[in-house]
Amino acid sequence: NGFPYERAEGKRVFLMGGGIGVPPILELAKQM
């Protein structure tokens, strides 16, 4: 289902990744 990143508009956000959970955070950061 992916991340509902639209919910963060105008808000302070943590994008958190650890280990091999780091890569999916990159595209999220680009589109956020």
PDB file of all heavy atoms in Angstrom:
ATOM      1  N   ASN A   1       0.782  -1.235   0.000  1.00  0.00           N
ATOM      2  CA  ASN A   1       0.000   0.000   0.000  1.00  0.00           C
ATOM      3  C   ASN A   1       0.813   1.283   0.000  1.00  0.00           C
ATOM      4  O   ASN A   1       0.302   2.342  -0.325  1.00  0.00           O
ATOM      5  CB  ASN A   1      -0.960   0.012   1.196  1.00  0.00           C
ATOM      6  CG  ASN A   1      -0.237  -0.105   2.534  1.00  0.00           C
ATOM      7  OD1 ASN A   1       0.974  -0.326   2.586  1.00  0.00           O
ATOM      8  ND2 ASN A   1      -0.973   0.048   3.624  1.00  0.00           N
ATOM      9  N   GLY A   2       2.072   1.250   0.392  1.00  0.00           N
ATOM     10  CA  GLY A   2       2.884   2.462   0.397  1.00  0.00           C
ATOM     11  C   GLY A   2       2.546   3.412   1.534  1.00  0.00           C
ATOM     12  O   GLY A   2       1.606   3.205   2.310  1.00  0.00           O
ATOM     13  N   PHE A   3       3.345   4.489   1.639  1.00  0.00           N
ATOM     14  CA  PHE A   3       3.171   5.487   2.709  1.00  0.00           C
ATOM     15  C   PHE A   3       2.159   6.556   2.299  1.00  0.00           C
ATOM     16  O   PHE A   3       2.232   7.078   1.183  1.00  0.00           O
ATOM     17  CB  PHE A   3       4.498   6.187   2.998  1.00  0.00           C
ATOM     18  CG  PHE A   3       5.504   5.343   3.732  1.00  0.00           C
ATOM     19  CD1 PHE A   3       6.597   4.809   3.062  1.00  0.00           C
ATOM     20  CD2 PHE A   3       5.376   5.105   5.081  1.00  0.00           C
ATOM     21  CE1 PHE A   3       7.548   4.051   3.736  1.00  0.00           C
ATOM     22  CE2 PHE A   3       6.314   4.337   5.765  1.00  0.00           C
ATOM     23  CZ  PHE A   3       7.400   3.814   5.096  1.00  0.00           C
ATOM     24  N   PRO A   4       1.231   6.934   3.195  1.00  0.00           N
ATOM     25  CA  PRO A   4       0.287   8.020   2.907  1.00  0.00           C
ATOM     26  C   PRO A   4       0.953   9.373   3.161  1.00  0.00           C
ATOM     27  O   PRO A   4       0.620  10.091   4.111  1.00  0.00           O
ATOM     28  CB  PRO A   4      -0.861   7.742   3.888  1.00  0.00           C
ATOM     29  CG  PRO A   4      -0.177   7.120   5.074  1.00  0.00           C
ATOM     30  CD  PRO A   4       0.977   6.323   4.519  1.00  0.00           C
ATOM     31  N   TYR A   5       1.887   9.731   2.308  1.00  0.00           N
ATOM     32  CA  TYR A   5       2.706  10.919   2.561  1.00  0.00           C
ATOM     33  C   TYR A   5       1.930  12.230   2.397  1.00  0.00           C
ATOM     34  O   TYR A   5       2.348  13.277   2.899  1.00  0.00           O
ATOM     35  CB  TYR A   5       3.947  10.923   1.661  1.00  0.00           C
ATOM     36  CG  TYR A   5       3.667  10.861   0.181  1.00  0.00           C
ATOM     37  CD1 TYR A   5       3.467  12.013  -0.570  1.00  0.00           C
ATOM     38  CD2 TYR A   5       3.609   9.633  -0.479  1.00  0.00           C
ATOM     39  CE1 TYR A   5       3.218  11.948  -1.924  1.00  0.00           C
ATOM     40  CE2 TYR A   5       3.362   9.554  -1.830  1.00  0.00           C
ATOM     41  CZ  TYR A   5       3.165  10.721  -2.558  1.00  0.00           C
ATOM     42  OH  TYR A   5       2.909  10.648  -3.905  1.00  0.00           O
ATOM     43  N   GLU A   6       0.781  12.170   1.741  1.00  0.00           N
ATOM     44  CA  GLU A   6      -0.024  13.386   1.560  1.00  0.00           C
ATOM     45  C   GLU A   6      -0.516  13.952   2.893  1.00  0.00           C
ATOM     46  O   GLU A   6      -0.819  15.141   3.003  1.00  0.00           O
ATOM     47  CB  GLU A   6      -1.229  13.098   0.657  1.00  0.00           C
ATOM     48  CG  GLU A   6      -0.874  12.635  -0.739  1.00  0.00           C
ATOM     49  CD  GLU A   6      -0.703  11.128  -0.861  1.00  0.00           C
ATOM     50  OE1 GLU A   6      -0.684  10.439   0.181  1.00  0.00           O
ATOM     51  OE2 GLU A   6      -0.586  10.636  -1.998  1.00  0.00           O
ATOM     52  N   ARG A   7      -0.571  13.098   3.926  1.00  0.00           N
ATOM     53  CA  ARG A   7      -1.086  13.517   5.230  1.00  0.00           C
ATOM     54  C   ARG A   7      -0.133  14.480   5.952  1.00  0.00           C
ATOM     55  O   ARG A   7      -0.512  15.081   6.957  1.00  0.00           O
ATOM     56  CB  ARG A   7      -1.325  12.295   6.121  1.00  0.00           C
ATOM     57  CG  ARG A   7      -2.355  11.322   5.575  1.00  0.00           C
ATOM     58  CD  ARG A   7      -2.502  10.117   6.477  1.00  0.00           C
ATOM     59  NE  ARG A   7      -2.973  10.468   7.806  1.00  0.00           N
ATOM     60  CZ  ARG A   7      -4.252  10.580   8.157  1.00  0.00           C
ATOM     61  NH1 ARG A   7      -5.188  10.385   7.251  1.00  0.00           N
ATOM     62  NH2 ARG A   7      -4.591  10.888   9.391  1.00  0.00           N
ATOM     63  N   ALA A   8       1.083  14.618   5.461  1.00  0.00           N
ATOM     64  CA  ALA A   8       2.093  15.394   6.185  1.00  0.00           C
ATOM     65  C   ALA A   8       2.238  16.830   5.690  1.00  0.00           C
ATOM     66  O   ALA A   8       3.098  17.558   6.174  1.00  0.00           O
ATOM     67  CB  ALA A   8       3.441  14.691   6.079  1.00  0.00           C
ATOM     68  N   GLU A   9       1.409  17.255   4.769  1.00  0.00           N
ATOM     69  CA  GLU A   9       1.574  18.586   4.192  1.00  0.00           C
ATOM     70  C   GLU A   9       1.527  19.661   5.277  1.00  0.00           C
ATOM     71  O   GLU A   9       0.607  19.705   6.102  1.00  0.00           O
ATOM     72  CB  GLU A   9       0.486  18.844   3.144  1.00  0.00           C
ATOM     73  CG  GLU A   9       0.719  20.099   2.337  1.00  0.00           C
ATOM     74  CD  GLU A   9      -0.201  20.204   1.132  1.00  0.00           C
ATOM     75  OE1 GLU A   9      -0.761  19.165   0.710  1.00  0.00           O
ATOM     76  OE2 GLU A   9      -0.344  21.319   0.625  1.00  0.00           O
ATOM     77  N   GLY A  10       2.550  20.495   5.302  1.00  0.00           N
ATOM     78  CA  GLY A  10       2.614  21.592   6.268  1.00  0.00           C
ATOM     79  C   GLY A  10       3.024  21.191   7.669  1.00  0.00           C
ATOM     80  O   GLY A  10       3.072  22.040   8.567  1.00  0.00           O
ATOM     81  N   LYS A  11       3.355  19.925   7.897  1.00  0.00           N
ATOM     82  CA  LYS A  11       3.682  19.441   9.243  1.00  0.00           C
ATOM     83  C   LYS A  11       5.177  19.136   9.388  1.00  0.00           C
ATOM     84  O   LYS A  11       5.895  18.977   8.403  1.00  0.00           O
ATOM     85  CB  LYS A  11       2.862  18.179   9.554  1.00  0.00           C
ATOM     86  CG  LYS A  11       1.362  18.426   9.574  1.00  0.00           C
ATOM     87  CD  LYS A  11       0.592  17.150   9.866  1.00  0.00           C
ATOM     88  CE  LYS A  11      -0.906  17.409   9.898  1.00  0.00           C
ATOM     89  NZ  LYS A  11      -1.680  16.170  10.134  1.00  0.00           N
ATOM     90  N   ARG A  12       5.609  19.035  10.660  1.00  0.00           N
ATOM     91  CA  ARG A  12       6.979  18.593  10.947  1.00  0.00           C
ATOM     92  C   ARG A  12       6.992  17.058  10.885  1.00  0.00           C
ATOM     93  O   ARG A  12       6.163  16.410  11.518  1.00  0.00           O
ATOM     94  CB  ARG A  12       7.414  19.049  12.337  1.00  0.00           C
ATOM     95  CG  ARG A  12       7.431  20.555  12.544  1.00  0.00           C
ATOM     96  CD  ARG A  12       7.641  20.888  14.008  1.00  0.00           C
ATOM     97  NE  ARG A  12       6.600  20.291  14.839  1.00  0.00           N
ATOM     98  CZ  ARG A  12       6.605  20.273  16.175  1.00  0.00           C
ATOM     99  NH1 ARG A  12       7.618  20.805  16.833  1.00  0.00           N
ATOM    100  NH2 ARG A  12       5.631  19.714  16.850  1.00  0.00           N
ATOM    101  N   VAL A  13       7.953  16.526  10.144  1.00  0.00           N
ATOM    102  CA  VAL A  13       7.938  15.089   9.867  1.00  0.00           C
ATOM    103  C   VAL A  13       9.278  14.442  10.211  1.00  0.00           C
ATOM    104  O   VAL A  13      10.337  15.016   9.979  1.00  0.00           O
ATOM    105  CB  VAL A  13       7.607  14.843   8.371  1.00  0.00           C
ATOM    106  CG1 VAL A  13       7.729  13.370   8.016  1.00  0.00           C
ATOM    107  CG2 VAL A  13       6.213  15.347   8.047  1.00  0.00           C
ATOM    108  N   PHE A  14       9.200  13.216  10.796  1.00  0.00           N
ATOM    109  CA  PHE A  14      10.355  12.326  10.881  1.00  0.00           C
ATOM    110  C   PHE A  14      10.223  11.279   9.789  1.00  0.00           C
ATOM    111  O   PHE A  14       9.191  10.603   9.704  1.00  0.00           O
ATOM    112  CB  PHE A  14      10.408  11.569  12.218  1.00  0.00           C
ATOM    113  CG  PHE A  14      10.794  12.387  13.415  1.00  0.00           C
ATOM    114  CD1 PHE A  14      10.446  11.954  14.693  1.00  0.00           C
ATOM    115  CD2 PHE A  14      11.511  13.563  13.294  1.00  0.00           C
ATOM    116  CE1 PHE A  14      10.792  12.689  15.813  1.00  0.00           C
ATOM    117  CE2 PHE A  14      11.865  14.307  14.415  1.00  0.00           C
ATOM    118  CZ  PHE A  14      11.508  13.864  15.676  1.00  0.00           C
ATOM    119  N   LEU A  15      11.260  11.134   8.970  1.00  0.00           N
ATOM    120  CA  LEU A  15      11.360  10.006   8.041  1.00  0.00           C
ATOM    121  C   LEU A  15      12.472   9.133   8.582  1.00  0.00           C
ATOM    122  O   LEU A  15      13.640   9.527   8.567  1.00  0.00           O
ATOM    123  CB  LEU A  15      11.693  10.490   6.623  1.00  0.00           C
ATOM    124  CG  LEU A  15      10.766  11.558   6.028  1.00  0.00           C
ATOM    125  CD1 LEU A  15      11.213  11.925   4.631  1.00  0.00           C
ATOM    126  CD2 LEU A  15       9.333  11.061   6.012  1.00  0.00           C
ATOM    127  N   MET A  16      12.129   7.946   9.080  1.00  0.00           N
ATOM    128  CA  MET A  16      13.073   7.143   9.847  1.00  0.00           C
ATOM    129  C   MET A  16      13.322   5.795   9.186  1.00  0.00           C
ATOM    130  O   MET A  16      12.380   5.067   8.841  1.00  0.00           O
ATOM    131  CB  MET A  16      12.556   6.949  11.276  1.00  0.00           C
ATOM    132  CG  MET A  16      12.245   8.269  11.973  1.00  0.00           C
ATOM    133  SD  MET A  16      11.591   8.072  13.651  1.00  0.00           S
ATOM    134  CE  MET A  16      13.064   7.501  14.501  1.00  0.00           C
ATOM    135  N   GLY A  17      14.598   5.451   9.015  1.00  0.00           N
ATOM    136  CA  GLY A  17      14.956   4.167   8.429  1.00  0.00           C
ATOM    137  C   GLY A  17      16.125   3.557   9.170  1.00  0.00           C
ATOM    138  O   GLY A  17      17.016   4.264   9.643  1.00  0.00           O
ATOM    139  N   GLY A  18      16.124   2.238   9.260  1.00  0.00           N
ATOM    140  CA  GLY A  18      17.220   1.527   9.907  1.00  0.00           C
ATOM    141  C   GLY A  18      17.638   0.318   9.102  1.00  0.00           C
ATOM    142  O   GLY A  18      16.781  -0.424   8.609  1.00  0.00           O
ATOM    143  N   GLY A  19      18.953   0.113   8.937  1.00  0.00           N
ATOM    144  CA  GLY A  19      19.436  -1.058   8.215  1.00  0.00           C
ATOM    145  C   GLY A  19      18.936  -1.074   6.786  1.00  0.00           C
ATOM    146  O   GLY A  19      18.980  -0.083   6.073  1.00  0.00           O
ATOM    147  N   ILE A  20      18.405  -2.216   6.356  1.00  0.00           N
ATOM    148  CA  ILE A  20      17.905  -2.317   4.990  1.00  0.00           C
ATOM    149  C   ILE A  20      16.512  -1.689   4.882  1.00  0.00           C
ATOM    150  O   ILE A  20      15.897  -1.678   3.813  1.00  0.00           O
ATOM    151  CB  ILE A  20      17.947  -3.789   4.499  1.00  0.00           C
ATOM    152  CG1 ILE A  20      18.092  -3.838   2.962  1.00  0.00           C
ATOM    153  CG2 ILE A  20      16.762  -4.587   5.018  1.00  0.00           C
ATOM    154  CD1 ILE A  20      19.366  -3.193   2.454  1.00  0.00           C
ATOM    155  N   GLY A  21      16.020  -1.112   5.985  1.00  0.00           N
ATOM    156  CA  GLY A  21      14.813  -0.281   5.947  1.00  0.00           C
ATOM    157  C   GLY A  21      15.120   1.157   5.564  1.00  0.00           C
ATOM    158  O   GLY A  21      14.214   1.989   5.461  1.00  0.00           O
ATOM    159  N   VAL A  22      16.395   1.467   5.330  1.00  0.00           N
ATOM    160  CA  VAL A  22      16.787   2.813   4.903  1.00  0.00           C
ATOM    161  C   VAL A  22      16.359   3.112   3.459  1.00  0.00           C
ATOM    162  O   VAL A  22      15.807   4.184   3.187  1.00  0.00           O
ATOM    163  CB  VAL A  22      18.322   3.008   5.071  1.00  0.00           C
ATOM    164  CG1 VAL A  22      18.808   4.248   4.331  1.00  0.00           C
ATOM    165  CG2 VAL A  22      18.674   3.101   6.554  1.00  0.00           C
ATOM    166  N   PRO A  23      16.579   2.211   2.483  1.00  0.00           N
ATOM    167  CA  PRO A  23      16.297   2.548   1.079  1.00  0.00           C
ATOM    168  C   PRO A  23      14.882   3.045   0.777  1.00  0.00           C
ATOM    169  O   PRO A  23      14.735   4.027   0.027  1.00  0.00           O
ATOM    170  CB  PRO A  23      16.609   1.237   0.333  1.00  0.00           C
ATOM    171  CG  PRO A  23      17.674   0.596   1.174  1.00  0.00           C
ATOM    172  CD  PRO A  23      17.283   0.909   2.590  1.00  0.00           C
ATOM    173  N   PRO A  24      13.802   2.447   1.329  1.00  0.00           N
ATOM    174  CA  PRO A  24      12.469   2.940   0.969  1.00  0.00           C
ATOM    175  C   PRO A  24      12.201   4.368   1.418  1.00  0.00           C
ATOM    176  O   PRO A  24      11.274   5.012   0.927  1.00  0.00           O
ATOM    177  CB  PRO A  24      11.512   1.975   1.686  1.00  0.00           C
ATOM    178  CG  PRO A  24      12.327   0.923   2.314  1.00  0.00           C
ATOM    179  CD  PRO A  24      13.759   1.272   2.195  1.00  0.00           C
ATOM    180  N   ILE A  25      13.017   4.874   2.360  1.00  0.00           N
ATOM    181  CA  ILE A  25      12.808   6.232   2.853  1.00  0.00           C
ATOM    182  C   ILE A  25      13.252   7.271   1.821  1.00  0.00           C
ATOM    183  O   ILE A  25      12.774   8.410   1.826  1.00  0.00           O
ATOM    184  CB  ILE A  25      13.570   6.422   4.190  1.00  0.00           C
ATOM    185  CG1 ILE A  25      13.045   5.445   5.247  1.00  0.00           C
ATOM    186  CG2 ILE A  25      13.445   7.850   4.698  1.00  0.00           C
ATOM    187  CD1 ILE A  25      11.561   5.577   5.558  1.00  0.00           C
ATOM    188  N   LEU A  26      14.138   6.888   0.884  1.00  0.00           N
ATOM    189  CA  LEU A  26      14.648   7.867  -0.074  1.00  0.00           C
ATOM    190  C   LEU A  26      13.558   8.412  -0.995  1.00  0.00           C
ATOM    191  O   LEU A  26      13.412   9.636  -1.126  1.00  0.00           O
ATOM    192  CB  LEU A  26      15.796   7.263  -0.891  1.00  0.00           C
ATOM    193  CG  LEU A  26      16.401   8.197  -1.942  1.00  0.00           C
ATOM    194  CD1 LEU A  26      16.872   9.509  -1.333  1.00  0.00           C
ATOM    195  CD2 LEU A  26      17.550   7.499  -2.681  1.00  0.00           C
ATOM    196  N   GLU A  27      12.799   7.552  -1.640  1.00  0.00           N
ATOM    197  CA  GLU A  27      11.741   8.047  -2.532  1.00  0.00           C
ATOM    198  C   GLU A  27      10.681   8.799  -1.743  1.00  0.00           C
ATOM    199  O   GLU A  27      10.119   9.783  -2.219  1.00  0.00           O
ATOM    200  CB  GLU A  27      11.112   6.901  -3.323  1.00  0.00           C
ATOM    201  CG  GLU A  27      10.088   7.348  -4.361  1.00  0.00           C
ATOM    202  CD  GLU A  27      10.683   8.212  -5.477  1.00  0.00           C
ATOM    203  OE1 GLU A  27      11.869   8.053  -5.808  1.00  0.00           O
ATOM    204  OE2 GLU A  27       9.922   9.049  -6.019  1.00  0.00           O
ATOM    205  N   LEU A  28      10.412   8.362  -0.524  1.00  0.00           N
ATOM    206  CA  LEU A  28       9.470   9.075   0.341  1.00  0.00           C
ATOM    207  C   LEU A  28       9.976  10.494   0.594  1.00  0.00           C
ATOM    208  O   LEU A  28       9.212  11.459   0.508  1.00  0.00           O
ATOM    209  CB  LEU A  28       9.308   8.314   1.662  1.00  0.00           C
ATOM    210  CG  LEU A  28       8.358   8.913   2.696  1.00  0.00           C
ATOM    211  CD1 LEU A  28       6.937   8.976   2.156  1.00  0.00           C
ATOM    212  CD2 LEU A  28       8.395   8.093   3.991  1.00  0.00           C
ATOM    213  N   ALA A  29      11.270  10.634   0.889  1.00  0.00           N
ATOM    214  CA  ALA A  29      11.851  11.956   1.121  1.00  0.00           C
ATOM    215  C   ALA A  29      11.747  12.828  -0.128  1.00  0.00           C
ATOM    216  O   ALA A  29      11.489  14.031  -0.051  1.00  0.00           O
ATOM    217  CB  ALA A  29      13.302  11.822   1.554  1.00  0.00           C
ATOM    218  N   LYS A  30      11.938  12.221  -1.302  1.00  0.00           N
ATOM    219  CA  LYS A  30      11.879  12.979  -2.547  1.00  0.00           C
ATOM    220  C   LYS A  30      10.476  13.498  -2.837  1.00  0.00           C
ATOM    221  O   LYS A  30      10.299  14.605  -3.350  1.00  0.00           O
ATOM    222  CB  LYS A  30      12.361  12.106  -3.707  1.00  0.00           C
ATOM    223  CG  LYS A  30      13.865  11.820  -3.677  1.00  0.00           C
ATOM    224  CD  LYS A  30      14.267  10.820  -4.733  1.00  0.00           C
ATOM    225  CE  LYS A  30      14.027  11.331  -6.134  1.00  0.00           C
ATOM    226  NZ  LYS A  30      14.483  10.354  -7.159  1.00  0.00           N
ATOM    227  N   GLN A  31       9.457  12.701  -2.495  1.00  0.00           N
ATOM    228  CA  GLN A  31       8.081  13.079  -2.826  1.00  0.00           C
ATOM    229  C   GLN A  31       7.375  13.840  -1.704  1.00  0.00           C
ATOM    230  O   GLN A  31       6.325  14.442  -1.927  1.00  0.00           O
ATOM    231  CB  GLN A  31       7.273  11.833  -3.196  1.00  0.00           C
ATOM    232  CG  GLN A  31       7.759  11.164  -4.471  1.00  0.00           C
ATOM    233  CD  GLN A  31       6.719  10.256  -5.093  1.00  0.00           C
ATOM    234  OE1 GLN A  31       5.513  10.455  -4.937  1.00  0.00           O
ATOM    235  NE2 GLN A  31       7.178   9.242  -5.815  1.00  0.00           N
ATOM    236  N   MET A  32       7.938  13.816  -0.511  1.00  0.00           N
ATOM    237  CA  MET A  32       7.293  14.428   0.642  1.00  0.00           C
ATOM    238  C   MET A  32       7.270  15.950   0.538  1.00  0.00           C
ATOM    239  O   MET A  32       8.306  16.586   0.329  1.00  0.00           O
ATOM    240  CB  MET A  32       8.041  14.001   1.915  1.00  0.00           C
ATOM    241  CG  MET A  32       7.490  14.589   3.196  1.00  0.00           C
ATOM    242  SD  MET A  32       5.926  13.829   3.649  1.00  0.00           S
ATOM    243  CE  MET A  32       6.459  12.186   4.140  1.00  0.00           C
TER     244      MET A  32
END
